[in-house]
Amino acid sequence: MLSMRRKIFLKVSISLIVIFMLSFASCDTVPFCWECVNPHNSLDWQTVCSSMSKVKLESYGYVCTPY
C-alpha cells in the first residue's frame, strides 16, 4: 500500500514540475525590443527585437535598453 502511494505521489510531483517548467517557456514568445546605442558614438544606434541580435550588438560594445 505504501509503495502505491509513493508511485502516485511521484507521478503527481513530476507532472506538477513539468507544468511549472513549461509555464516559463511562454516568456520567449513575448516580443521584446531593445534600443542599442554605441557608447562611443551616440549617433550610431539600432533597434532590435531579436535577442540574438541584442547579444551580438552587446558583444560589440553597444549598450541595449528595453523599450
Protein backbone atom coordinates (compact mmCIF):
# COMPACT_ATOMS: atom_id res chain seq x y z
CA MET A 1 0.00 0.00 0.00
CA LEU A 2 2.80 2.37 0.86
CA SER A 3 4.55 1.65 -2.43
CA MET A 4 1.38 2.52 -4.35
CA ARG A 5 1.12 5.87 -2.55
CA ARG A 6 4.74 6.67 -3.36
CA LYS A 7 4.19 5.93 -7.05
CA ILE A 8 1.12 8.16 -7.16
CA PHE A 9 2.95 10.93 -5.29
CA LEU A 10 5.92 10.64 -7.64
CA LYS A 11 3.74 10.83 -10.76
CA VAL A 12 1.82 13.84 -9.46
CA SER A 13 5.04 15.58 -8.42
CA ILE A 14 6.70 15.05 -11.79
CA SER A 15 3.57 16.27 -13.59
CA LEU A 16 3.47 19.45 -11.49
CA ILE A 17 7.16 20.12 -12.05
CA VAL A 18 6.79 19.71 -15.82
CA ILE A 19 3.78 22.06 -15.88
CA PHE A 20 5.68 24.57 -13.77
CA MET A 21 8.71 24.44 -16.10
CA LEU A 22 6.56 24.82 -19.21
CA SER A 23 4.96 27.95 -17.79
CA PHE A 24 8.29 29.78 -18.19
CA ALA A 25 8.58 28.91 -21.88
CA SER A 26 5.81 31.40 -22.70
CA CYS A 27 8.14 34.30 -21.83
CA ASP A 28 10.12 33.60 -25.01
CA THR A 29 7.15 34.33 -27.23
CA VAL A 30 6.61 37.87 -25.95
CA PRO A 31 8.19 40.34 -28.39
CA PHE A 32 10.75 42.44 -26.54
CA CYS A 33 12.62 45.13 -28.42
CA TRP A 34 15.77 46.96 -27.44
CA GLU A 35 17.42 50.17 -28.49
CA CYS A 36 21.15 49.57 -28.72
CA VAL A 37 23.48 52.57 -28.67
CA ASN A 38 27.19 52.69 -29.31
CA PRO A 39 28.63 54.40 -26.20
CA HIS A 40 31.48 55.90 -28.24
CA ASN A 41 29.17 57.43 -30.88
CA SER A 42 25.61 58.23 -29.76
CA LEU A 43 24.53 58.75 -33.38
CA ASP A 44 25.25 55.05 -34.03
CA TRP A 45 22.20 53.19 -32.70
CA GLN A 46 19.96 50.31 -33.76
CA THR A 47 16.58 48.97 -32.76
CA VAL A 48 16.45 45.18 -32.47
CA CYS A 49 13.68 42.78 -31.48
CA SER A 50 15.75 39.61 -31.63
CA SER A 51 17.64 38.50 -28.54
CA MET A 52 20.37 37.04 -30.74
CA SER A 53 20.89 40.42 -32.40
CA LYS A 54 20.94 42.09 -29.00
CA VAL A 55 23.61 39.71 -27.72
CA LYS A 56 25.67 40.26 -30.87
CA LEU A 57 25.49 44.04 -30.55
CA GLU A 58 26.39 43.85 -26.87
CA SER A 59 29.43 41.79 -27.78
CA TYR A 60 30.49 44.72 -30.00
CA GLY A 61 30.19 47.07 -27.02
CA TYR A 62 26.72 48.51 -27.62
CA VAL A 63 24.53 49.30 -24.61
CA CYS A 64 21.00 47.94 -25.06
CA THR A 65 17.95 49.12 -23.15
CA PRO A 66 14.43 47.72 -23.49
CA TYR A 67 11.57 49.86 -24.68
